[in-house]
Protein backbone atom coordinates (compact mmCIF):
# COMPACT_ATOMS: atom_id res chain seq x y z
CA MET A 1 -0.04 0.05 0.05
CA ILE A 2 1.15 3.46 -0.75
CA LEU A 3 0.11 4.82 2.69
CA SER A 4 0.76 2.94 5.80
CA ARG A 5 -2.01 1.28 7.56
CA ARG A 6 -1.11 3.00 10.76
CA LYS A 7 -1.17 6.48 9.17
CA LEU A 8 -4.75 5.90 8.00
CA ILE A 9 -6.02 5.75 11.54
CA GLY A 10 -4.80 9.21 12.16
CA ILE A 11 -6.59 10.97 9.22
CA GLY A 12 -9.05 13.67 10.32
CA ALA A 13 -11.26 13.66 13.35
CA ALA A 14 -12.69 10.21 12.50
CA GLY A 15 -9.09 8.62 12.92
CA ALA A 16 -8.47 10.69 16.22
CA GLY A 17 -11.77 9.19 17.32
CA GLY A 18 -10.61 5.75 16.61
CA LEU A 19 -7.40 6.12 18.37
CA LEU A 20 -9.28 7.45 21.53
CA LEU A 21 -11.49 4.42 21.65
CA GLY A 22 -8.56 2.26 22.65
CA GLY A 23 -7.96 3.64 26.06
CA CYS A 24 -10.64 6.41 27.22
CA ASP A 25 -13.10 4.66 29.10
CA GLN A 26 -14.18 7.82 30.86
CA LEU A 27 -14.96 9.41 27.53
CA ASN A 28 -16.72 6.17 26.18
CA ALA A 29 -19.01 6.41 29.14
CA SER A 30 -20.35 9.78 27.80
CA ALA A 31 -23.38 9.32 25.56
CA GLY A 32 -22.67 12.56 23.85
CA PHE A 33 -19.02 11.57 23.17
CA ARG A 34 -20.19 8.06 21.68
CA ASP A 35 -22.71 9.81 19.41
CA THR A 36 -19.85 12.04 18.26
CA LEU A 37 -17.74 8.94 17.22
CA LYS A 38 -20.61 7.24 15.68
CA GLY A 39 -21.27 10.37 13.57
CA ALA A 40 -17.61 10.15 12.37
CA THR A 41 -17.77 6.64 11.25
CA GLY A 42 -19.15 7.43 7.87
CA LEU A 43 -16.55 10.08 7.21
CA ASN A 44 -13.77 7.66 8.30
CA GLN A 45 -15.15 5.05 5.81
CA ARG A 46 -15.41 7.41 2.86
CA VAL A 47 -11.87 8.73 3.47
CA HIS A 48 -10.33 5.36 3.89
CA ARG A 49 -11.90 4.06 0.80
CA LEU A 50 -11.13 7.05 -1.22
CA LEU A 51 -7.29 6.56 -0.27
CA VAL A 52 -7.06 2.82 -0.56
CA GLY A 53 -9.51 1.91 -3.19
CA ASP A 54 -9.31 -1.86 -3.97
CA SER A 55 -5.88 -2.14 -2.73
CA LEU A 56 -4.71 -5.01 -0.59
CA ALA A 57 -3.44 -5.02 2.91
CA ARG A 58 0.34 -5.64 3.14
CA GLU A 59 1.33 -9.14 3.01
CA PHE A 60 4.46 -10.58 4.72
CA THR A 61 6.91 -13.61 4.47
CA GLU A 62 6.98 -16.38 6.79
CA ALA A 63 10.23 -14.85 8.14
CA ASP A 64 8.14 -12.03 9.55
CA MET A 65 5.71 -14.12 11.43
CA SER A 66 5.40 -13.37 15.04
CA PRO A 67 6.79 -15.93 17.44
CA VAL A 68 3.63 -15.50 19.61
CA PHE A 69 0.20 -14.50 18.30
CA LYS A 70 -1.86 -13.39 21.23
CA ALA A 71 -5.36 -14.72 21.59
CA ASN A 72 -7.75 -11.96 22.59
CA GLY A 73 -11.50 -11.49 23.52
CA SER A 74 -13.24 -14.68 24.37
CA LEU A 75 -10.80 -17.61 24.98
CA ARG A 76 -13.18 -20.31 25.83
CA VAL A 77 -16.80 -20.68 24.84
CA ALA A 78 -19.28 -21.96 27.48
CA ASP A 79 -22.09 -22.90 25.08
CA PRO A 80 -22.89 -26.66 25.44
CA ALA A 81 -23.45 -27.13 21.84
CA TYR A 82 -20.08 -25.60 20.76
CA ARG A 83 -18.31 -27.70 23.45
CA ALA A 84 -19.83 -30.73 21.91
CA HIS A 85 -18.77 -29.85 18.47
CA LEU A 86 -15.25 -29.14 19.93
CA GLY A 87 -15.03 -32.43 21.39
CA GLN A 88 -15.98 -34.01 18.06
CA GLN A 89 -13.36 -31.88 16.22
CA PHE A 90 -16.25 -30.09 14.48
CA ALA A 91 -17.10 -33.26 12.53
CA GLN A 92 -20.86 -32.48 12.73
CA TRP A 93 -20.71 -28.81 12.65
CA ALA A 94 -21.88 -26.80 9.74
CA LEU A 95 -21.77 -23.05 8.92
CA ARG A 96 -25.29 -21.78 8.31
CA VAL A 97 -25.60 -18.93 5.52
CA ASP A 98 -29.09 -17.40 5.43
CA GLY A 99 -30.90 -14.16 5.39
CA LEU A 100 -31.34 -12.34 2.09
CA VAL A 101 -30.10 -15.18 -0.05
CA LYS A 102 -31.45 -17.10 -2.91
CA GLN A 103 -30.34 -20.43 -1.51
CA LYS A 104 -29.64 -21.11 2.24
CA LEU A 105 -26.49 -23.03 2.88
CA MET A 106 -25.24 -25.41 5.57
CA LEU A 107 -21.56 -25.93 4.91
CA PRO A 108 -19.66 -28.58 6.99
CA LEU A 109 -15.96 -27.75 7.89
CA THR A 110 -15.01 -30.41 5.27
CA ALA A 111 -16.87 -28.48 2.58
CA LEU A 112 -15.08 -25.14 3.57
CA LYS A 113 -11.77 -26.92 3.44
CA SER A 114 -12.52 -28.41 -0.10
CA LEU A 115 -13.32 -24.94 -1.68
CA PRO A 116 -10.44 -23.08 -3.24
CA GLN A 117 -8.24 -21.68 -0.59
CA ARG A 118 -6.40 -18.26 -0.01
CA THR A 119 -3.39 -18.30 2.12
CA GLN A 120 -2.21 -14.88 3.37
CA ILE A 121 0.43 -13.63 5.97
CA THR A 122 -0.90 -10.35 7.36
CA ARG A 123 -0.60 -8.16 10.42
CA HIS A 124 -3.37 -7.97 13.01
CA ASP A 125 -3.65 -4.62 14.49
CA CYS A 126 -5.45 -4.47 17.81
CA VAL A 127 -7.32 -1.38 19.12
CA GLU A 128 -5.55 -2.01 22.36
CA GLY A 129 -2.29 -1.05 20.76
CA TRP A 130 -0.50 -4.44 19.91
CA SER A 131 0.10 -6.15 16.65
CA ALA A 132 1.06 -9.62 15.34
CA ILE A 133 1.82 -11.15 12.04
CA GLY A 134 0.23 -14.48 11.38
CA LYS A 135 -0.53 -16.83 8.57
CA TRP A 136 -4.13 -17.52 7.71
CA GLN A 137 -5.84 -19.91 5.46
CA GLY A 138 -9.42 -20.35 4.29
CA PRO A 139 -11.95 -19.86 1.44
CA GLN A 140 -12.82 -16.34 0.29
CA LEU A 141 -16.02 -15.11 1.81
CA GLY A 142 -17.05 -13.85 -1.60
CA GLN A 143 -17.19 -17.15 -3.15
CA ILE A 144 -19.52 -18.45 -0.38
CA LEU A 145 -21.89 -15.54 -0.82
CA GLN A 146 -21.79 -16.06 -4.56
CA ALA A 147 -22.86 -19.80 -3.99
CA ALA A 148 -25.72 -18.52 -1.78
CA GLY A 149 -26.85 -15.95 -4.36
CA LEU A 150 -27.37 -12.53 -2.96
CA LEU A 151 -30.95 -10.99 -3.18
CA PRO A 152 -30.89 -7.31 -4.56
CA ASN A 153 -31.51 -5.75 -1.25
CA ALA A 154 -28.66 -7.49 0.64
CA ARG A 155 -26.18 -4.86 2.12
CA PHE A 156 -24.48 -6.38 5.03
CA ALA A 157 -23.11 -9.70 6.05
CA VAL A 158 -23.67 -10.28 9.83
CA PHE A 159 -21.42 -12.95 11.66
CA HIS A 160 -23.25 -14.59 14.53
CA CYS A 161 -20.70 -16.18 16.96
CA ALA A 162 -20.86 -19.03 19.64
CA ASP A 163 -19.35 -16.91 22.38
CA VAL A 164 -21.08 -14.45 24.90
CA LEU A 165 -19.07 -11.63 25.94
CA GLU A 166 -20.03 -9.10 28.75
CA GLY A 167 -23.31 -10.82 28.99
CA ALA A 168 -24.29 -10.39 25.39
CA PRO A 169 -24.02 -12.76 22.31
CA TYR A 170 -20.95 -11.78 20.23
CA TYR A 171 -21.41 -10.68 16.70
CA GLU A 172 -19.93 -8.65 13.97
CA SER A 173 -20.74 -7.26 10.59
CA ILE A 174 -19.29 -5.90 7.38
CA ASP A 175 -20.67 -4.47 4.16
CA LEU A 176 -20.50 -6.20 0.70
CA VAL A 177 -17.48 -4.11 -0.39
CA GLU A 178 -15.51 -5.83 2.35
CA ALA A 179 -17.28 -9.09 2.12
CA PHE A 180 -16.10 -9.51 -1.51
CA HIS A 181 -12.48 -8.09 -1.08
CA PRO A 182 -10.15 -10.78 -2.07
CA GLN A 183 -8.35 -10.88 1.40
CA THR A 184 -11.59 -11.35 3.25
CA ILE A 185 -11.64 -15.15 4.24
CA LEU A 186 -13.21 -17.47 6.58
CA ALA A 187 -9.96 -18.82 8.20
CA TRP A 188 -9.95 -22.29 9.56
CA ARG A 189 -6.05 -22.65 9.67
CA MET A 190 -3.51 -20.38 11.48
CA ASN A 191 0.22 -20.67 11.23
CA ASP A 192 -0.26 -24.03 9.30
CA GLN A 193 -2.37 -25.58 12.04
CA PRO A 194 -6.10 -25.72 12.65
CA LEU A 195 -7.60 -22.98 14.63
CA THR A 196 -7.46 -23.61 18.47
CA GLU A 197 -10.33 -22.64 20.61
CA ALA A 198 -8.69 -19.62 21.83
CA HIS A 199 -8.18 -18.29 18.31
CA GLY A 200 -11.71 -18.96 17.17
CA ALA A 201 -12.12 -22.55 16.00
CA PRO A 202 -13.75 -23.82 13.92
CA ILE A 203 -13.55 -20.57 11.68
CA ARG A 204 -12.99 -16.86 12.05
CA LEU A 205 -13.23 -13.91 9.90
CA ARG A 206 -10.27 -12.11 8.48
CA VAL A 207 -11.01 -8.96 7.06
CA GLU A 208 -7.57 -7.62 6.68
CA ARG A 209 -8.15 -3.92 6.00
CA GLN A 210 -9.93 -3.42 9.47
CA LEU A 211 -8.93 -3.52 13.15
CA GLY A 212 -8.73 -6.63 15.35
CA TYR A 213 -12.24 -6.43 16.93
CA LYS A 214 -13.75 -6.85 13.41
CA GLN A 215 -12.12 -10.35 13.10
CA ALA A 216 -14.96 -12.38 14.52
CA LYS A 217 -14.23 -15.69 16.12
CA TYR A 218 -16.50 -18.79 16.55
CA ILE A 219 -18.60 -18.09 13.58
CA MET A 220 -21.79 -20.22 13.48
CA ARG A 221 -24.00 -18.34 11.06
CA ILE A 222 -23.65 -15.69 8.42
CA GLU A 223 -26.83 -13.63 7.84
CA LEU A 224 -27.35 -11.29 4.98
CA ARG A 225 -29.27 -8.21 5.89
CA GLU A 226 -30.60 -4.96 4.28
CA SER A 227 -29.98 -2.99 7.47
CA LEU A 228 -28.22 -3.42 10.86
CA ALA A 229 -31.16 -1.51 12.49
CA GLY A 230 -32.93 -3.66 15.20
CA LEU A 231 -30.04 -6.12 15.45
CA TYR A 232 -28.93 -6.36 19.05
CA GLY A 233 -27.81 -2.88 20.00
CA GLY A 234 -28.00 -1.57 16.57
CA GLY A 235 -24.38 -0.78 16.18
CA GLY A 236 -23.35 -3.55 13.86
CA GLY A 237 -21.13 -5.48 16.50
CA HIS A 238 -20.43 -6.36 20.03
CA TRP A 239 -17.79 -3.66 20.71
CA GLU A 240 -19.91 -1.11 18.75
CA ASP A 241 -22.88 -1.70 20.88
CA ALA A 242 -20.89 -1.99 24.25
CA ARG A 243 -18.41 0.66 23.94
CA GLY A 244 -19.21 2.89 21.05
CA TYR A 245 -16.40 1.70 18.80
CA GLN A 246 -16.66 2.66 15.24
CA TRP A 247 -18.47 0.21 12.94
CA TYR A 248 -16.00 0.89 10.10
CA ALA A 249 -12.65 0.22 11.49
CA GLY A 250 -10.41 0.77 8.50
CA ILE A 251 -6.63 0.89 8.79
């Protein structure tokens, strides 16, 4: 990329808001401050896409990979159905794709592994201030959505996850521009090994042009929607609802 991913965080007021989200809990507690940040999200998205267009996030070599890739967020899922799948190495698990699609899908892990795979070594940038470089493998999300066939009014892909964080079901969402980006994959493999529970088994989202909190783990279902209104807290993701994080977290 011509511009560094770090520099993009700092562009304009929207970028400044993104940096504040990482460590200013007192400001986040203010409803007025959260509303200001939410209002900046659209500007952040427009500026970021104007600058980066269709470009790829930087990819690295195996020599650049971090010796330790920190697991963050939920590290263990309490849901009994998930634990049963984990005990069976997800042999009976299937990803559900539904909502505004022409054909609902139930895709076993074996089916996801049999699709054309993309492997990429990228940097994970966390809003908390740490980064790590890891190797990811999985099918591109776009080819799965193409197989389901999107209805004309589909605008967002919502990822419903198996974990509960801070008392609320975890979820995330992206728009179709990010969903069909070539580096947006459903990763089942990390650093040449199947995902561990702490890192999001059986699959996790990798949307490489956004911050780490958008990389949803433990994905059980992908729902195509026209709007995010009325979905949980209405912010489009757990951290957007709980802490006022920006929905579009471009870097």
